[in-house]
Amino acid sequence: MGAGRRCTASTAGSGSGWPGYGGPTGPAATARAARRTCARPRRTPDGTPTGGYAEFTTVPAAFAYRLPEELDDVSCAPLLCAGIIGHRALRRSALPPGGRLGLYGFGGSAHLCAQVAIAEGATVHVVTRGAAARRLALALGAASARGPDETPPEPLDSAILFAPAGELVPPALRALDRGGTLAVAGIHLTDVPALRYESELFYEKQLRSVTSNTREDGREFLALAAEHAVHATTHTYPMSRADEALRDLAAGRFDGAAVLVNDLS
């Protein structure tokens, strides 16, 4: 990675990375850039950020992060996108110190988020369809791991919905204790069924979305990941088999995160 002529950031070098998003434009660039980045990133016609799968791209200096030197590229890749947005979701869930956190879905983002939450003293309960994902959750220290038709064993202070399944919103809200918060972490979500006010929203429960992350979210997460030895469980696929990786992801055939490795010239 090289730096532009006006770049003063210290992140240039081979040990740097970009999460694939970030860099507000328009009014957000001046009014909210220091604390928030909800502006839409520049995108290509297929919906991916400019340069997301290119050999070279330009990166806003504020969103380029220094990576842990002891980790290889495959280990770092999930930290940059899945890890940072999962950390944003954790903060959006308003989890109190030592609180009870529910994670609905346990893939690339959730299994990194769980490690930070547990390291900070939270009790984590996981609800996910995949048996392998449930085993991974317990191995990482989750207090329980159950299927999507089951409920956590105790009321939750906070919950995060990682699965893109809108039908999980009502049961996740019902699982919250009074004053609890549900953060929806997905970019895409199927339609949410009608909510029942008394059982799913009353007692000052909150429902929040997660759009993107601030640059501080990235710095904070990577520092916590290094401090608590957060590690990604990865499964590699060559770029030429990207469709297979997406099918396996949709079917829940692996735990942790899939990483595409470029084998195309």
Protein backbone atom coordinates (compact mmCIF):
# COMPACT_ATOMS: atom_id res chain seq x y z
CA MET A 1 0.00 0.00 0.00
CA GLY A 2 1.31 3.42 -0.95
CA ALA A 3 0.27 6.87 0.22
CA GLY A 4 -0.93 9.80 -1.86
CA ARG A 5 0.97 13.07 -1.89
CA ARG A 6 -1.39 14.74 0.59
CA CYS A 7 -1.77 11.70 2.84
CA THR A 8 -0.28 12.05 6.31
CA ALA A 9 -1.64 8.77 7.71
CA SER A 10 0.83 6.29 9.16
CA THR A 11 -1.01 3.23 7.82
CA ALA A 12 0.73 2.96 4.45
CA GLY A 13 2.65 -0.28 4.02
CA SER A 14 2.24 -3.98 3.42
CA GLY A 15 0.61 -4.52 6.83
CA SER A 16 -2.42 -2.35 6.13
CA GLY A 17 -5.97 -3.15 5.12
CA TRP A 18 -9.31 -1.68 4.11
CA PRO A 19 -12.72 -3.03 5.18
CA GLY A 20 -14.27 -2.37 1.77
CA TYR A 21 -16.43 0.55 2.84
CA GLY A 22 -16.04 3.93 4.47
CA GLY A 23 -15.40 7.40 3.18
CA PRO A 24 -18.45 9.65 3.53
CA THR A 25 -19.24 12.09 0.78
CA GLY A 26 -21.33 15.25 0.57
CA PRO A 27 -22.61 16.92 3.77
CA ALA A 28 -21.65 13.89 5.83
CA ALA A 29 -18.02 14.45 4.93
CA THR A 30 -17.91 17.70 6.87
CA ALA A 31 -20.75 17.54 9.39
CA ARG A 32 -20.57 13.96 10.62
CA ALA A 33 -17.41 12.33 9.28
CA ALA A 34 -15.61 12.30 12.61
CA ARG A 35 -18.29 10.27 14.36
CA ARG A 36 -20.52 8.62 11.78
CA THR A 37 -20.51 7.26 8.24
CA CYS A 38 -24.06 6.54 7.12
CA ALA A 39 -23.52 8.07 3.70
CA ARG A 40 -23.78 5.64 0.80
CA PRO A 41 -20.36 4.51 -0.45
CA ARG A 42 -19.43 4.74 -4.10
CA ARG A 43 -20.61 1.55 -5.79
CA THR A 44 -20.30 -0.21 -9.12
CA PRO A 45 -23.38 -1.33 -11.11
CA ASP A 46 -23.30 -4.78 -9.46
CA GLY A 47 -23.60 -3.17 -6.02
CA THR A 48 -20.06 -3.74 -4.73
CA PRO A 49 -17.82 -0.88 -3.56
CA THR A 50 -15.55 0.54 -6.24
CA GLY A 51 -12.50 -1.70 -6.49
CA GLY A 52 -13.84 -4.31 -4.06
CA TYR A 53 -12.56 -7.22 -6.17
CA ALA A 54 -9.95 -5.39 -8.22
CA GLU A 55 -6.19 -5.86 -8.04
CA PHE A 56 -5.79 -2.19 -7.13
CA THR A 57 -8.05 0.43 -5.58
CA THR A 58 -7.85 3.81 -3.87
CA VAL A 59 -8.76 3.94 -0.19
CA PRO A 60 -9.72 6.87 2.06
CA ALA A 61 -6.76 7.20 4.44
CA ALA A 62 -9.02 7.47 7.48
CA PHE A 63 -10.43 4.00 6.75
CA ALA A 64 -7.11 2.22 6.17
CA TYR A 65 -6.09 0.29 9.25
CA ARG A 66 -2.78 -1.06 10.45
CA LEU A 67 -3.10 -4.84 10.74
CA PRO A 68 -1.57 -7.17 13.35
CA GLU A 69 1.82 -8.24 12.02
CA GLU A 70 1.48 -11.75 13.42
CA LEU A 71 -1.60 -12.55 11.30
CA ASP A 72 -1.61 -13.59 7.65
CA ASP A 73 -3.98 -12.18 5.03
CA VAL A 74 -6.59 -14.92 5.42
CA SER A 75 -6.75 -14.42 9.19
CA CYS A 76 -6.99 -10.63 8.83
CA ALA A 77 -9.69 -10.55 6.14
CA PRO A 78 -12.68 -11.34 8.41
CA LEU A 79 -11.52 -8.80 11.00
CA LEU A 80 -11.79 -5.92 8.54
CA CYS A 81 -15.38 -6.27 7.36
CA ALA A 82 -17.20 -8.85 9.48
CA GLY A 83 -15.30 -7.93 12.62
CA ILE A 84 -15.68 -4.17 12.45
CA ILE A 85 -19.37 -4.15 11.52
CA GLY A 86 -20.03 -6.77 14.21
CA HIS A 87 -18.34 -4.50 16.72
CA ARG A 88 -20.52 -1.61 15.57
CA ALA A 89 -23.57 -3.81 16.11
CA LEU A 90 -22.35 -4.72 19.60
CA ARG A 91 -22.11 -1.07 20.56
CA ARG A 92 -25.49 -0.32 18.96
CA SER A 93 -27.06 -3.06 21.08
CA ALA A 94 -26.34 -0.98 24.21
CA LEU A 95 -25.10 -4.00 26.15
CA PRO A 96 -24.54 -3.02 29.80
CA PRO A 97 -21.36 -4.13 31.61
CA GLY A 98 -21.66 -7.80 32.52
CA GLY A 99 -24.93 -8.01 30.60
CA ARG A 100 -26.73 -10.87 28.89
CA LEU A 101 -26.34 -10.80 25.11
CA GLY A 102 -28.23 -12.85 22.54
CA LEU A 103 -26.75 -13.45 19.09
CA TYR A 104 -29.17 -14.61 16.39
CA GLY A 105 -27.10 -16.18 13.64
CA PHE A 106 -23.49 -17.17 14.22
CA GLY A 107 -21.38 -16.67 11.13
CA GLY A 108 -18.36 -14.59 10.21
CA SER A 109 -19.40 -11.44 12.06
CA ALA A 110 -21.11 -12.96 15.09
CA HIS A 111 -18.30 -15.32 16.06
CA LEU A 112 -15.89 -12.37 16.26
CA CYS A 113 -18.40 -10.17 18.08
CA ALA A 114 -18.98 -12.93 20.64
CA GLN A 115 -15.29 -13.12 21.51
CA VAL A 116 -15.14 -9.40 22.28
CA ALA A 117 -18.36 -9.49 24.31
CA ILE A 118 -17.20 -12.48 26.37
CA ALA A 119 -13.79 -10.90 26.94
CA GLU A 120 -15.56 -7.79 28.25
CA GLY A 121 -17.55 -9.84 30.76
CA ALA A 122 -20.85 -10.50 28.98
CA THR A 123 -22.85 -13.72 29.14
CA VAL A 124 -23.52 -14.72 25.53
CA HIS A 125 -26.40 -16.89 24.32
CA VAL A 126 -26.46 -17.97 20.67
CA VAL A 127 -29.47 -18.90 18.54
CA THR A 128 -28.54 -20.31 15.13
CA ARG A 129 -29.61 -23.07 12.76
CA GLY A 130 -26.28 -24.74 12.03
CA ALA A 131 -25.02 -27.51 14.31
CA ALA A 132 -21.41 -26.66 13.45
CA ALA A 133 -22.02 -23.01 14.33
CA ARG A 134 -23.54 -24.01 17.67
CA ARG A 135 -20.52 -26.15 18.45
CA LEU A 136 -18.21 -23.25 17.58
CA ALA A 137 -20.23 -20.90 19.82
CA LEU A 138 -19.83 -23.20 22.81
CA ALA A 139 -16.13 -23.71 22.06
CA LEU A 140 -15.65 -19.93 22.09
CA GLY A 141 -17.30 -19.59 25.49
CA ALA A 142 -20.99 -18.98 24.84
CA ALA A 143 -23.19 -19.91 27.80
CA SER A 144 -25.74 -21.60 25.53
CA ALA A 145 -26.27 -22.37 21.84
CA ARG A 146 -29.74 -23.30 20.62
CA GLY A 147 -31.69 -23.75 17.40
CA PRO A 148 -33.86 -21.04 15.80
CA ASP A 149 -37.07 -22.53 17.23
CA GLU A 150 -35.73 -22.31 20.79
CA THR A 151 -35.41 -19.39 23.18
CA PRO A 152 -32.42 -18.30 25.29
CA PRO A 153 -32.43 -19.72 28.83
CA GLU A 154 -32.75 -16.29 30.48
CA PRO A 155 -34.03 -12.80 29.59
CA LEU A 156 -31.56 -10.76 27.53
CA ASP A 157 -30.32 -7.23 28.15
CA SER A 158 -29.36 -6.89 24.48
CA ALA A 159 -29.55 -8.89 21.27
CA ILE A 160 -28.06 -8.68 17.80
CA LEU A 161 -29.70 -10.15 14.72
CA PHE A 162 -27.00 -11.21 12.26
CA ALA A 163 -29.14 -13.64 10.24
CA PRO A 164 -30.93 -11.90 7.32
CA ALA A 165 -34.25 -13.35 8.48
CA GLY A 166 -36.92 -10.84 9.36
CA GLU A 167 -39.06 -13.54 10.97
CA LEU A 168 -36.52 -13.69 13.81
CA VAL A 169 -37.20 -10.08 14.88
CA PRO A 170 -40.36 -10.84 16.92
CA PRO A 171 -38.88 -13.75 18.92
CA ALA A 172 -35.68 -11.79 19.51
CA LEU A 173 -37.73 -8.88 20.89
CA ARG A 174 -39.72 -11.25 23.08
CA ALA A 175 -36.48 -12.63 24.50
CA LEU A 176 -35.42 -9.16 25.72
CA ASP A 177 -35.80 -8.12 29.32
CA ARG A 178 -37.48 -4.78 30.09
CA GLY A 179 -35.57 -1.90 28.53
CA GLY A 180 -33.56 -4.23 26.28
CA THR A 181 -32.29 -3.39 22.80
CA LEU A 182 -32.27 -5.42 19.60
CA ALA A 183 -29.76 -4.29 16.93
CA VAL A 184 -30.30 -5.60 13.39
CA ALA A 185 -26.83 -5.97 11.89
CA GLY A 186 -27.61 -7.13 8.35
CA ILE A 187 -27.42 -5.05 5.19
CA HIS A 188 -30.30 -7.10 3.79
CA LEU A 189 -33.27 -8.45 5.75
CA THR A 190 -36.41 -10.28 4.68
CA ASP A 191 -39.70 -8.65 5.62
CA VAL A 192 -40.40 -8.34 9.32
CA PRO A 193 -43.79 -9.75 10.39
CA ALA A 194 -46.28 -7.56 12.21
CA LEU A 195 -45.16 -6.90 15.79
CA ARG A 196 -47.32 -7.25 18.86
CA TYR A 197 -46.87 -4.16 20.94
CA GLU A 198 -47.56 -5.68 24.37
CA SER A 199 -45.24 -8.71 24.11
CA GLU A 200 -42.57 -7.42 21.72
CA LEU A 201 -42.16 -3.66 22.15
CA PHE A 202 -43.72 -2.62 25.45
CA TYR A 203 -41.58 -1.97 28.55
CA GLU A 204 -39.40 0.42 26.56
CA LYS A 205 -37.71 -2.16 24.37
CA GLN A 206 -35.75 -0.69 21.45
CA LEU A 207 -35.25 -1.87 17.87
CA ARG A 208 -32.24 -0.43 16.04
CA SER A 209 -30.60 -0.88 12.65
CA VAL A 210 -26.89 -0.95 11.86
CA THR A 211 -25.84 0.69 8.61
CA SER A 212 -22.07 1.00 8.60
CA ASN A 213 -19.29 1.95 10.99
CA THR A 214 -17.27 4.93 12.11
CA ARG A 215 -13.52 5.01 11.67
CA GLU A 216 -13.25 4.86 15.46
CA ASP A 217 -15.24 1.59 15.47
CA GLY A 218 -12.51 0.08 13.30
CA ARG A 219 -9.67 1.33 15.44
CA GLU A 220 -11.38 0.22 18.64
CA PHE A 221 -12.22 -3.25 17.36
CA LEU A 222 -8.76 -3.99 15.99
CA ALA A 223 -7.21 -2.85 19.29
CA LEU A 224 -9.59 -5.09 21.26
CA ALA A 225 -8.97 -7.99 18.88
CA ALA A 226 -5.24 -7.71 19.55
CA GLU A 227 -5.70 -7.27 23.30
CA HIS A 228 -8.02 -10.27 23.69
CA ALA A 229 -6.48 -12.51 21.00
CA VAL A 230 -9.69 -12.56 18.97
CA HIS A 231 -9.26 -15.04 16.13
CA ALA A 232 -11.29 -15.84 13.05
CA THR A 233 -12.34 -19.36 12.14
CA THR A 234 -11.82 -19.36 8.38
CA HIS A 235 -12.57 -21.53 5.36
CA THR A 236 -10.82 -20.53 2.13
CA TYR A 237 -12.22 -20.70 -1.39
CA PRO A 238 -10.41 -19.72 -4.60
CA MET A 239 -11.95 -16.74 -6.34
CA SER A 240 -12.91 -19.00 -9.26
CA ARG A 241 -15.24 -20.88 -6.85
CA ALA A 242 -16.89 -17.80 -5.35
CA ASP A 243 -20.34 -19.06 -6.37
CA GLU A 244 -19.72 -22.26 -4.43
CA ALA A 245 -18.73 -20.25 -1.37
CA LEU A 246 -21.97 -18.28 -1.57
CA ARG A 247 -24.03 -21.46 -1.90
CA ASP A 248 -22.27 -23.03 1.08
CA LEU A 249 -22.83 -19.85 3.08
CA ALA A 250 -26.54 -19.82 2.25
CA ALA A 251 -26.84 -23.47 3.23
CA GLY A 252 -24.89 -23.06 6.47
CA ARG A 253 -22.31 -25.67 5.48
CA PHE A 254 -19.41 -24.13 7.41
CA ASP A 255 -18.83 -22.33 10.67
CA GLY A 256 -16.97 -19.05 11.06
CA ALA A 257 -16.11 -17.07 7.94
CA ALA A 258 -15.36 -17.85 4.28
CA VAL A 259 -12.40 -16.07 2.69
CA LEU A 260 -11.92 -15.75 -1.07
CA VAL A 261 -8.31 -16.17 -2.21
CA ASN A 262 -7.43 -14.76 -5.62
CA ASP A 263 -6.45 -17.46 -8.11
CA LEU A 264 -7.34 -15.45 -11.22
CA SER A 265 -4.73 -13.70 -13.36
